[in-house]
C-alpha atoms as a PDB file:
ATOM      1  CA  MET A   1     -58.184  23.101  76.294  1.00  0.00           C
ATOM      2  CA  LYS A   2     -57.183  21.627  72.943  1.00  0.00           C
ATOM      3  CA  VAL A   3     -54.605  18.889  73.391  1.00  0.00           C
ATOM      4  CA  LEU A   4     -52.535  17.107  70.754  1.00  0.00           C
ATOM      5  CA  ILE A   5     -51.155  13.821  72.075  1.00  0.00           C
ATOM      6  CA  THR A   6     -48.422  12.020  70.148  1.00  0.00           C
ATOM      7  CA  GLY A   7     -47.514   8.397  70.843  1.00  0.00           C
ATOM      8  CA  SER A   8     -51.138   7.815  71.836  1.00  0.00           C
ATOM      9  CA  ASN A   9     -50.905   4.006  71.782  1.00  0.00           C
ATOM     10  CA  GLY A  10     -47.848   3.799  74.034  1.00  0.00           C
ATOM     11  CA  GLN A  11     -47.717   3.193  77.768  1.00  0.00           C
ATOM     12  CA  VAL A  12     -48.121   6.832  78.777  1.00  0.00           C
ATOM     13  CA  GLY A  13     -50.010   7.994  75.677  1.00  0.00           C
ATOM     14  CA  SER A  14     -52.825   5.496  76.139  1.00  0.00           C
ATOM     15  CA  CYS A  15     -53.240   6.604  79.778  1.00  0.00           C
ATOM     16  CA  LEU A  16     -53.294  10.245  78.697  1.00  0.00           C
ATOM     17  CA  VAL A  17     -56.097   9.572  76.241  1.00  0.00           C
ATOM     18  CA  LYS A  18     -58.196   7.692  78.814  1.00  0.00           C
ATOM     19  CA  GLN A  19     -57.740  10.302  81.523  1.00  0.00           C
ATOM     20  CA  LEU A  20     -58.244  13.347  79.285  1.00  0.00           C
ATOM     21  CA  GLN A  21     -61.461  11.915  77.861  1.00  0.00           C
ATOM     22  CA  SER A  22     -63.076  12.458  81.248  1.00  0.00           C
ATOM     23  CA  CYS A  23     -61.878  16.068  81.497  1.00  0.00           C
ATOM     24  CA  PRO A  24     -64.618  18.625  80.718  1.00  0.00           C
ATOM     25  CA  ASN A  25     -64.072  21.280  78.061  1.00  0.00           C
ATOM     26  CA  THR A  26     -61.171  19.348  76.579  1.00  0.00           C
ATOM     27  CA  GLU A  27     -60.756  18.564  72.887  1.00  0.00           C
ATOM     28  CA  ILE A  28     -58.269  15.812  72.120  1.00  0.00           C
ATOM     29  CA  LEU A  29     -56.412  14.875  68.975  1.00  0.00           C
ATOM     30  CA  ALA A  30     -54.595  11.625  69.765  1.00  0.00           C
ATOM     31  CA  VAL A  31     -52.188  10.332  67.145  1.00  0.00           C
ATOM     32  CA  ASP A  32     -49.767   7.445  66.975  1.00  0.00           C
ATOM     33  CA  ARG A  33     -46.980   6.994  64.425  1.00  0.00           C
ATOM     34  CA  ASN A  34     -49.428   5.577  61.863  1.00  0.00           C
ATOM     35  CA  GLU A  35     -51.428   8.809  61.998  1.00  0.00           C
ATOM     36  CA  LEU A  36     -48.577  11.299  62.398  1.00  0.00           C
ATOM     37  CA  ASP A  37     -44.912  10.749  61.606  1.00  0.00           C
ATOM     38  CA  ILE A  38     -43.268  13.234  63.945  1.00  0.00           C
ATOM     39  CA  THR A  39     -39.984  12.818  62.060  1.00  0.00           C
ATOM     40  CA  SER A  40     -41.609  14.527  59.062  1.00  0.00           C
ATOM     41  CA  GLN A  41     -41.435  18.265  59.634  1.00  0.00           C
ATOM     42  CA  SER A  42     -44.021  18.990  56.949  1.00  0.00           C
ATOM     43  CA  ASP A  43     -46.488  16.486  58.416  1.00  0.00           C
ATOM     44  CA  VAL A  44     -46.077  17.976  61.898  1.00  0.00           C
ATOM     45  CA  ILE A  45     -46.569  21.545  60.653  1.00  0.00           C
ATOM     46  CA  LYS A  46     -49.631  20.548  58.657  1.00  0.00           C
ATOM     47  CA  ARG A  47     -51.332  18.694  61.525  1.00  0.00           C
ATOM     48  CA  VAL A  48     -50.543  21.283  64.204  1.00  0.00           C
ATOM     49  CA  SER A  49     -51.530  24.202  61.978  1.00  0.00           C
ATOM     50  CA  ALA A  50     -54.870  22.545  61.187  1.00  0.00           C
ATOM     51  CA  PHE A  51     -55.762  21.538  64.764  1.00  0.00           C
ATOM     52  CA  LYS A  52     -54.278  24.601  66.497  1.00  0.00           C
ATOM     53  CA  PRO A  53     -53.815  23.045  69.951  1.00  0.00           C
ATOM     54  CA  ASN A  54     -52.927  25.118  72.969  1.00  0.00           C
ATOM     55  CA  MET A  55     -51.180  22.081  74.466  1.00  0.00           C
ATOM     56  CA  ILE A  56     -48.970  19.444  72.833  1.00  0.00           C
ATOM     57  CA  ILE A  57     -48.003  16.421  74.913  1.00  0.00           C
ATOM     58  CA  ASN A  58     -45.266  14.384  73.275  1.00  0.00           C
ATOM     59  CA  ALA A  59     -45.411  10.795  74.493  1.00  0.00           C
ATOM     60  CA  ALA A  60     -43.738   9.427  71.352  1.00  0.00           C
ATOM     61  CA  ALA A  61     -40.210   8.046  71.659  1.00  0.00           C
ATOM     62  CA  HIS A  62     -37.779   5.420  70.431  1.00  0.00           C
ATOM     63  CA  THR A  63     -37.477   3.521  73.708  1.00  0.00           C
ATOM     64  CA  ALA A  64     -35.759   0.336  72.519  1.00  0.00           C
ATOM     65  CA  VAL A  65     -32.625   1.058  74.550  1.00  0.00           C
ATOM     66  CA  ASP A  66     -30.468  -1.781  73.214  1.00  0.00           C
ATOM     67  CA  LYS A  67     -31.669  -1.478  69.619  1.00  0.00           C
ATOM     68  CA  ALA A  68     -30.793   2.219  69.713  1.00  0.00           C
ATOM     69  CA  GLU A  69     -27.101   1.267  69.876  1.00  0.00           C
ATOM     70  CA  SER A  70     -27.381   0.043  66.269  1.00  0.00           C
ATOM     71  CA  GLU A  71     -30.389   2.130  65.145  1.00  0.00           C
ATOM     72  CA  ILE A  72     -28.634   5.416  65.810  1.00  0.00           C
ATOM     73  CA  ASP A  73     -30.142   7.466  62.976  1.00  0.00           C
ATOM     74  CA  LEU A  74     -33.667   6.249  63.752  1.00  0.00           C
ATOM     75  CA  SER A  75     -33.236   6.979  67.440  1.00  0.00           C
ATOM     76  CA  TYR A  76     -32.090  10.547  66.768  1.00  0.00           C
ATOM     77  CA  ALA A  77     -34.901  11.062  64.267  1.00  0.00           C
ATOM     78  CA  ILE A  78     -37.583  10.064  66.792  1.00  0.00           C
ATOM     79  CA  ASN A  79     -36.019  11.325  70.026  1.00  0.00           C
ATOM     80  CA  ARG A  80     -34.454  14.588  68.797  1.00  0.00           C
ATOM     81  CA  ASP A  81     -35.798  15.654  65.411  1.00  0.00           C
ATOM     82  CA  GLY A  82     -39.454  14.776  66.024  1.00  0.00           C
ATOM     83  CA  PRO A  83     -39.606  16.660  69.325  1.00  0.00           C
ATOM     84  CA  LEU A  84     -37.858  19.611  67.667  1.00  0.00           C
ATOM     85  CA  TYR A  85     -40.511  19.784  64.942  1.00  0.00           C
ATOM     86  CA  LEU A  86     -43.276  19.564  67.545  1.00  0.00           C
ATOM     87  CA  ALA A  87     -41.625  22.321  69.572  1.00  0.00           C
ATOM     88  CA  GLN A  88     -41.296  24.573  66.534  1.00  0.00           C
ATOM     89  CA  ALA A  89     -44.920  23.942  65.601  1.00  0.00           C
ATOM     90  CA  ALA A  90     -46.019  24.627  69.186  1.00  0.00           C
ATOM     91  CA  GLU A  91     -44.169  27.943  69.161  1.00  0.00           C
ATOM     92  CA  ASN A  92     -45.796  28.876  65.857  1.00  0.00           C
ATOM     93  CA  VAL A  93     -49.345  28.434  67.203  1.00  0.00           C
ATOM     94  CA  GLY A  94     -48.634  29.669  70.738  1.00  0.00           C
ATOM     95  CA  ALA A  95     -49.029  26.262  72.345  1.00  0.00           C
ATOM     96  CA  ALA A  96     -47.187  24.856  75.348  1.00  0.00           C
ATOM     97  CA  LEU A  97     -45.175  21.659  74.884  1.00  0.00           C
ATOM     98  CA  LEU A  98     -44.992  18.919  77.490  1.00  0.00           C
ATOM     99  CA  HIS A  99     -42.222  16.458  76.624  1.00  0.00           C
ATOM    100  CA  ILE A 100     -41.253  13.193  78.335  1.00  0.00           C
ATOM    101  CA  SER A 101     -37.585  12.440  78.914  1.00  0.00           C
ATOM    102  CA  THR A 102     -35.578   9.922  80.898  1.00  0.00           C
ATOM    103  CA  ASP A 103     -33.164   9.107  83.716  1.00  0.00           C
ATOM    104  CA  TYR A 104     -30.778   7.842  81.024  1.00  0.00           C
ATOM    105  CA  VAL A 105     -29.531  11.398  80.469  1.00  0.00           C
ATOM    106  CA  PHE A 106     -27.435  10.771  83.619  1.00  0.00           C
ATOM    107  CA  ASP A 107     -24.443   8.427  83.821  1.00  0.00           C
ATOM    108  CA  GLY A 108     -25.645   6.957  87.120  1.00  0.00           C
ATOM    109  CA  ASP A 109     -22.263   7.326  88.806  1.00  0.00           C
ATOM    110  CA  LYS A 110     -23.457   9.824  91.412  1.00  0.00           C
ATOM    111  CA  GLU A 111     -24.233   8.823  94.978  1.00  0.00           C
ATOM    112  CA  GLY A 112     -27.608   9.860  96.320  1.00  0.00           C
ATOM    113  CA  ILE A 113     -30.448  11.240  94.220  1.00  0.00           C
ATOM    114  CA  TYR A 114     -30.344  13.245  91.003  1.00  0.00           C
ATOM    115  CA  SER A 115     -31.874  16.709  90.949  1.00  0.00           C
ATOM    116  CA  GLU A 116     -32.839  18.628  87.818  1.00  0.00           C
ATOM    117  CA  THR A 117     -29.680  20.734  88.080  1.00  0.00           C
ATOM    118  CA  ASN A 118     -27.188  17.854  88.246  1.00  0.00           C
ATOM    119  CA  ALA A 119     -24.805  17.428  85.319  1.00  0.00           C
ATOM    120  CA  VAL A 120     -25.980  15.186  82.501  1.00  0.00           C
ATOM    121  CA  ASN A 121     -23.701  12.608  80.918  1.00  0.00           C
ATOM    122  CA  PRO A 122     -25.524   9.823  79.045  1.00  0.00           C
ATOM    123  CA  LYS A 123     -23.735   6.504  78.587  1.00  0.00           C
ATOM    124  CA  SER A 124     -26.004   5.117  75.862  1.00  0.00           C
ATOM    125  CA  VAL A 125     -27.217   6.167  72.428  1.00  0.00           C
ATOM    126  CA  TYR A 126     -30.745   6.226  73.805  1.00  0.00           C
ATOM    127  CA  GLY A 127     -29.715   8.583  76.591  1.00  0.00           C
ATOM    128  CA  ALA A 128     -27.770  10.782  74.175  1.00  0.00           C
ATOM    129  CA  THR A 129     -30.732  11.083  71.790  1.00  0.00           C
ATOM    130  CA  LYS A 130     -33.129  11.927  74.613  1.00  0.00           C
ATOM    131  CA  LEU A 131     -30.740  14.592  75.908  1.00  0.00           C
ATOM    132  CA  ALA A 132     -30.470  16.010  72.388  1.00  0.00           C
ATOM    133  CA  GLY A 133     -34.270  16.106  72.339  1.00  0.00           C
ATOM    134  CA  GLU A 134     -34.367  18.009  75.623  1.00  0.00           C
ATOM    135  CA  LYS A 135     -31.974  20.650  74.314  1.00  0.00           C
ATOM    136  CA  ALA A 136     -33.843  20.931  71.023  1.00  0.00           C
ATOM    137  CA  VAL A 137     -37.285  21.525  72.516  1.00  0.00           C
ATOM    138  CA  ILE A 138     -36.103  24.021  75.122  1.00  0.00           C
ATOM    139  CA  ALA A 139     -34.363  26.039  72.411  1.00  0.00           C
ATOM    140  CA  ALA A 140     -37.340  25.929  70.019  1.00  0.00           C
ATOM    141  CA  CYS A 141     -40.350  26.506  72.284  1.00  0.00           C
ATOM    142  CA  SER A 142     -40.520  29.179  74.982  1.00  0.00           C
ATOM    143  CA  ARG A 143     -43.318  27.331  76.791  1.00  0.00           C
ATOM    144  CA  THR A 144     -41.727  23.914  77.318  1.00  0.00           C
ATOM    145  CA  ILE A 145     -41.876  21.550  80.262  1.00  0.00           C
ATOM    146  CA  ILE A 146     -39.751  18.404  80.242  1.00  0.00           C
ATOM    147  CA  LEU A 147     -40.734  15.546  82.517  1.00  0.00           C
ATOM    148  CA  ARG A 148     -37.869  13.146  83.189  1.00  0.00           C
ATOM    149  CA  THR A 149     -39.050   9.784  84.434  1.00  0.00           C
ATOM    150  CA  ALA A 150     -37.717   6.251  84.938  1.00  0.00           C
ATOM    151  CA  TRP A 151     -38.548   2.548  84.910  1.00  0.00           C
ATOM    152  CA  VAL A 152     -41.978   3.052  83.342  1.00  0.00           C
ATOM    153  CA  PHE A 153     -44.598   0.313  83.551  1.00  0.00           C
ATOM    154  CA  GLY A 154     -48.315   0.051  82.878  1.00  0.00           C
ATOM    155  CA  GLU A 155     -51.111  -2.063  81.471  1.00  0.00           C
ATOM    156  CA  GLU A 156     -50.252  -1.239  77.846  1.00  0.00           C
ATOM    157  CA  GLY A 157     -47.115  -2.079  75.881  1.00  0.00           C
ATOM    158  CA  ASN A 158     -44.094  -4.081  76.941  1.00  0.00           C
ATOM    159  CA  ASN A 159     -42.510  -3.474  80.312  1.00  0.00           C
ATOM    160  CA  PHE A 160     -40.716  -5.082  83.250  1.00  0.00           C
ATOM    161  CA  VAL A 161     -43.881  -5.978  85.145  1.00  0.00           C
ATOM    162  CA  LYS A 162     -45.356  -7.893  82.223  1.00  0.00           C
ATOM    163  CA  THR A 163     -42.044  -9.643  81.600  1.00  0.00           C
ATOM    164  CA  MET A 164     -41.783 -10.733  85.233  1.00  0.00           C
ATOM    165  CA  LEU A 165     -45.352 -12.061  85.273  1.00  0.00           C
ATOM    166  CA  ARG A 166     -44.672 -14.066  82.131  1.00  0.00           C
ATOM    167  CA  LEU A 167     -41.356 -15.459  83.384  1.00  0.00           C
ATOM    168  CA  GLY A 168     -42.891 -16.142  86.786  1.00  0.00           C
ATOM    169  CA  GLN A 169     -45.251 -18.597  85.137  1.00  0.00           C
ATOM    170  CA  GLN A 170     -42.452 -20.281  83.216  1.00  0.00           C
ATOM    171  CA  ARG A 171     -39.543 -20.568  85.650  1.00  0.00           C
ATOM    172  CA  ASP A 172     -38.860 -21.585  89.219  1.00  0.00           C
ATOM    173  CA  GLU A 173     -35.816 -19.355  89.598  1.00  0.00           C
ATOM    174  CA  LEU A 174     -34.776 -16.000  88.118  1.00  0.00           C
ATOM    175  CA  GLY A 175     -31.582 -13.967  88.250  1.00  0.00           C
ATOM    176  CA  ILE A 176     -32.421 -10.243  88.408  1.00  0.00           C
ATOM    177  CA  VAL A 177     -29.999  -7.316  88.433  1.00  0.00           C
ATOM    178  CA  ALA A 178     -29.517  -6.084  91.993  1.00  0.00           C
ATOM    179  CA  ASP A 179     -26.923  -3.322  91.565  1.00  0.00           C
ATOM    180  CA  GLN A 180     -29.028  -0.821  89.575  1.00  0.00           C
ATOM    181  CA  PHE A 181     -31.302   1.418  91.633  1.00  0.00           C
ATOM    182  CA  GLY A 182     -34.187   3.690  90.706  1.00  0.00           C
ATOM    183  CA  GLY A 183     -37.848   4.497  91.107  1.00  0.00           C
ATOM    184  CA  PRO A 184     -40.378   2.374  89.204  1.00  0.00           C
ATOM    185  CA  THR A 185     -43.010   4.690  87.750  1.00  0.00           C
ATOM    186  CA  TYR A 186     -46.601   3.841  86.843  1.00  0.00           C
ATOM    187  CA  ALA A 187     -47.589   5.162  83.407  1.00  0.00           C
ATOM    188  CA  GLY A 188     -50.986   6.256  84.712  1.00  0.00           C
ATOM    189  CA  ASP A 189     -49.278   8.439  87.313  1.00  0.00           C
ATOM    190  CA  ILE A 190     -47.091  10.037  84.628  1.00  0.00           C
ATOM    191  CA  ALA A 191     -50.200  10.826  82.600  1.00  0.00           C
ATOM    192  CA  ALA A 192     -51.927  12.285  85.654  1.00  0.00           C
ATOM    193  CA  ALA A 193     -48.903  14.458  86.429  1.00  0.00           C
ATOM    194  CA  LEU A 194     -48.795  15.782  82.872  1.00  0.00           C
ATOM    195  CA  ILE A 195     -52.510  16.607  83.001  1.00  0.00           C
ATOM    196  CA  VAL A 196     -52.103  18.519  86.277  1.00  0.00           C
ATOM    197  CA  ILE A 197     -49.353  20.588  84.653  1.00  0.00           C
ATOM    198  CA  ALA A 198     -51.337  21.092  81.436  1.00  0.00           C
ATOM    199  CA  LYS A 199     -54.385  22.303  83.379  1.00  0.00           C
ATOM    200  CA  ALA A 200     -52.272  24.714  85.424  1.00  0.00           C
ATOM    201  CA  ILE A 201     -50.784  26.236  82.275  1.00  0.00           C
ATOM    202  CA  ASN A 202     -54.179  26.401  80.564  1.00  0.00           C
ATOM    203  CA  ILE A 203     -56.087  27.916  83.500  1.00  0.00           C
ATOM    204  CA  GLN A 204     -53.444  30.496  84.358  1.00  0.00           C
ATOM    205  CA  GLY A 205     -52.810  31.379  80.735  1.00  0.00           C
ATOM    206  CA  GLU A 206     -50.688  34.502  80.342  1.00  0.00           C
ATOM    207  CA  SER A 207     -50.317  34.780  84.116  1.00  0.00           C
ATOM    208  CA  PHE A 208     -48.526  31.405  84.308  1.00  0.00           C
ATOM    209  CA  ASP A 209     -45.076  32.109  85.762  1.00  0.00           C
ATOM    210  CA  SER A 210     -42.501  31.580  83.009  1.00  0.00           C
ATOM    211  CA  ALA A 211     -40.008  30.456  85.658  1.00  0.00           C
ATOM    212  CA  LYS A 212     -42.108  27.322  86.076  1.00  0.00           C
ATOM    213  CA  TYR A 213     -41.207  26.139  82.585  1.00  0.00           C
ATOM    214  CA  GLY A 214     -38.192  23.854  82.283  1.00  0.00           C
ATOM    215  CA  ILE A 215     -37.200  20.435  83.574  1.00  0.00           C
ATOM    216  CA  TYR A 216     -38.905  18.360  86.260  1.00  0.00           C
ATOM    217  CA  HIS A 217     -38.240  14.911  87.672  1.00  0.00           C
ATOM    218  CA  PHE A 218     -41.124  12.532  88.261  1.00  0.00           C
ATOM    219  CA  SER A 219     -40.687   8.892  89.263  1.00  0.00           C
ATOM    220  CA  GLY A 220     -41.671   6.392  91.912  1.00  0.00           C
ATOM    221  CA  LEU A 221     -40.917   5.948  95.586  1.00  0.00           C
ATOM    222  CA  PRO A 222     -39.568   4.120  97.453  1.00  0.00           C
ATOM    223  CA  HIS A 223     -36.408   3.623  95.426  1.00  0.00           C
ATOM    224  CA  THR A 224     -35.451   0.004  94.869  1.00  0.00           C
ATOM    225  CA  SER A 225     -33.361  -2.281  92.688  1.00  0.00           C
ATOM    226  CA  TRP A 226     -34.638  -4.283  89.736  1.00  0.00           C
ATOM    227  CA  CYS A 227     -34.305  -7.313  91.996  1.00  0.00           C
ATOM    228  CA  GLY A 228     -36.377  -5.662  94.710  1.00  0.00           C
ATOM    229  CA  PHE A 229     -38.943  -4.543  92.134  1.00  0.00           C
ATOM    230  CA  ALA A 230     -39.241  -8.112  90.824  1.00  0.00           C
ATOM    231  CA  GLN A 231     -39.660  -9.558  94.320  1.00  0.00           C
ATOM    232  CA  THR A 232     -42.483  -7.097  95.062  1.00  0.00           C
ATOM    233  CA  ILE A 233     -44.209  -7.983  91.772  1.00  0.00           C
ATOM    234  CA  PHE A 234     -44.086 -11.692  92.597  1.00  0.00           C
ATOM    235  CA  ASP A 235     -45.231 -11.208  96.192  1.00  0.00           C
ATOM    236  CA  LYS A 236     -48.238  -9.197  95.044  1.00  0.00           C
ATOM    237  CA  ALA A 237     -48.956 -11.612  92.183  1.00  0.00           C
ATOM    238  CA  VAL A 238     -49.214 -14.508  94.638  1.00  0.00           C
ATOM    239  CA  GLU A 239     -51.385 -12.441  97.016  1.00  0.00           C
ATOM    240  CA  GLN A 240     -53.758 -11.624  94.148  1.00  0.00           C
ATOM    241  CA  GLY A 241     -53.849 -15.159  92.750  1.00  0.00           C
ATOM    242  CA  VAL A 242     -52.182 -14.111  89.500  1.00  0.00           C
ATOM    243  CA  LEU A 243     -49.352 -16.565  90.216  1.00  0.00           C
ATOM    244  CA  LYS A 244     -49.735 -19.773  92.195  1.00  0.00           C
ATOM    245  CA  LYS A 245     -46.150 -19.635  93.408  1.00  0.00           C
ATOM    246  CA  ALA A 246     -43.423 -17.009  93.291  1.00  0.00           C
ATOM    247  CA  PRO A 247     -40.157 -18.033  91.643  1.00  0.00           C
ATOM    248  CA  LEU A 248     -36.944 -17.798  93.641  1.00  0.00           C
ATOM    249  CA  VAL A 249     -35.382 -14.399  92.903  1.00  0.00           C
ATOM    250  CA  LYS A 250     -31.591 -14.265  92.995  1.00  0.00           C
ATOM    251  CA  GLY A 251     -29.759 -10.971  92.795  1.00  0.00           C
ATOM    252  CA  ILE A 252     -27.066 -10.713  90.117  1.00  0.00           C
ATOM    253  CA  ASN A 253     -24.628  -7.989  89.079  1.00  0.00           C
ATOM    254  CA  THR A 254     -24.949  -5.912  85.933  1.00  0.00           C
ATOM    255  CA  SER A 255     -21.739  -7.560  84.723  1.00  0.00           C
ATOM    256  CA  ASP A 256     -23.491 -10.933  84.884  1.00  0.00           C
ATOM    257  CA  TYR A 257     -26.137  -9.733  82.417  1.00  0.00           C
ATOM    258  CA  PRO A 258     -24.339  -7.831  79.648  1.00  0.00           C
ATOM    259  CA  THR A 259     -26.454  -5.723  77.264  1.00  0.00           C
ATOM    260  CA  PRO A 260     -25.544  -3.637  74.195  1.00  0.00           C
ATOM    261  CA  ALA A 261     -26.474  -0.396  76.003  1.00  0.00           C
ATOM    262  CA  LYS A 262     -25.032   0.684  79.342  1.00  0.00           C
ATOM    263  CA  ARG A 263     -27.634   1.380  82.020  1.00  0.00           C
ATOM    264  CA  PRO A 264     -27.201   3.926  84.830  1.00  0.00           C
ATOM    265  CA  ALA A 265     -26.389   2.170  88.113  1.00  0.00           C
ATOM    266  CA  ASN A 266     -28.182   4.998  89.916  1.00  0.00           C
ATOM    267  CA  SER A 267     -31.468   6.242  88.476  1.00  0.00           C
ATOM    268  CA  LYS A 268     -32.817   7.743  91.692  1.00  0.00           C
ATOM    269  CA  LEU A 269     -34.577  10.986  90.760  1.00  0.00           C
ATOM    270  CA  ASP A 270     -35.352  13.810  93.191  1.00  0.00           C
ATOM    271  CA  THR A 271     -39.052  14.650  92.754  1.00  0.00           C
ATOM    272  CA  GLN A 272     -39.139  17.545  95.235  1.00  0.00           C
ATOM    273  CA  ARG A 273     -39.411  20.333  92.640  1.00  0.00           C
ATOM    274  CA  ILE A 274     -42.559  19.002  90.955  1.00  0.00           C
ATOM    275  CA  THR A 275     -44.163  18.602  94.386  1.00  0.00           C
ATOM    276  CA  GLU A 276     -43.268  22.141  95.418  1.00  0.00           C
ATOM    277  CA  ILE A 277     -44.366  23.794  92.157  1.00  0.00           C
ATOM    278  CA  PHE A 278     -47.402  21.717  91.153  1.00  0.00           C
ATOM    279  CA  GLY A 279     -48.292  19.718  94.269  1.00  0.00           C
ATOM    280  CA  ILE A 280     -47.613  16.444  92.431  1.00  0.00           C
ATOM    281  CA  GLN A 281     -46.503  13.575  94.652  1.00  0.00           C
ATOM    282  CA  ALA A 282     -44.068  10.845  93.564  1.00  0.00           C
ATOM    283  CA  SER A 283     -45.594   7.802  91.880  1.00  0.00           C
ATOM    284  CA  ASP A 284     -46.749   5.128  94.329  1.00  0.00           C
ATOM    285  CA  TRP A 285     -45.569   2.167  92.288  1.00  0.00           C
ATOM    286  CA  GLN A 286     -46.464  -0.397  94.925  1.00  0.00           C
ATOM    287  CA  ARG A 287     -50.097   0.736  94.879  1.00  0.00           C
ATOM    288  CA  ALA A 288     -50.060   0.498  91.088  1.00  0.00           C
ATOM    289  CA  LEU A 289     -49.305  -3.223  91.413  1.00  0.00           C
ATOM    290  CA  ASN A 290     -52.533  -3.924  93.307  1.00  0.00           C
ATOM    291  CA  LYS A 291     -54.401  -4.998  90.133  1.00  0.00           C
ATOM    292  CA  LEU A 292     -51.879  -7.203  88.384  1.00  0.00           C
ATOM    293  CA  SER A 293     -54.578  -9.116  86.509  1.00  0.00           C
ATOM    294  CA  SER A 294     -54.944  -6.028  84.284  1.00  0.00           C
ATOM    295  CA  TYR A 295     -51.307  -6.370  83.170  1.00  0.00           C
ATOM    296  CA  GLN A 296     -51.862  -9.745  81.553  1.00  0.00           C
END
C-alpha cells in the first residue's frame, strides 16, 4: 500500500504517520503544508503523479473555527479547494481518498444523535467550508470515504485537553460551557479507524463494494458536555499526579462565553454505520486520558 498523508504534523496526521510506520508492506509519503501546499492545484498534481499512491489520506484542514469567520477565503482554500485538488489527483491515478470532516456541518438543533443521512446546515464559516469540501471530494473522486468526527484531542497540537491541563495549574476555578454536547475523540483512534478502512480498501481492491464509499461518523462515547469533559480531565489528572489539585469546575451557558463562530449545541454523532461496515468501535476517550503526562 502506498499512502500519501497530508497534514502530517497535525493531531491526526502525526498519529497516522506513527501507526502506519509499523504496518508491513506500506510505503508512506507524509507531507505538511511546508512540503505540499494543497491549495496549489499544480503542486498537488505534480506530487501525486510522481508518487502514484493508491491511498490518499487528507488530514490537512483550516481548523481555527473562530478565525475562519474573518479568514473566509483562506478557510475555503484549505477546506474546499485543497481537498478538491487531492480528490481530482486521486481519481487520475486510481487512488482512494480518505477525507476528514466535522460535526460542524450540522446546526446542532436536533434532539438525539446525528446519523450520516441527517440534513446538514452549518452555522459557521468553518462548518460551511468543510461541507463544501465534502461535496467537492465526493463529486471529484469515485472512491471517496469521508470521516466526520468531533472534539478532537491528542498529544500533538493544540486542543481542549492541553488547555484544561494548563489552566488547571493556573486557576482555582473555571467556568466551562455545559450546554453543548458531543463525543470527545482521541486523534490516535481516528488514525486507527482510517487505517482499518484503508487496509480494507487495499486488500479487497476491485472487489471492494462501491456502496461502502461515502460518509461515516466516528467520534467518542459516552457523550458528554464540555463541562463534563473538563471535570473528567481534572479527575484523571489528579489521579495520575499531573495536577496536585483539581480546580472547581462551574458549568456556564454558551451565551455566557460568546465567540465569533457559532458552535453546534448538539454534536452527538451516531457511529453505528462504521461499526457495522468496518467493525470500528467508537473512540474510548476516557481511556485515552489515562496517560495525561504525555499531553504536556
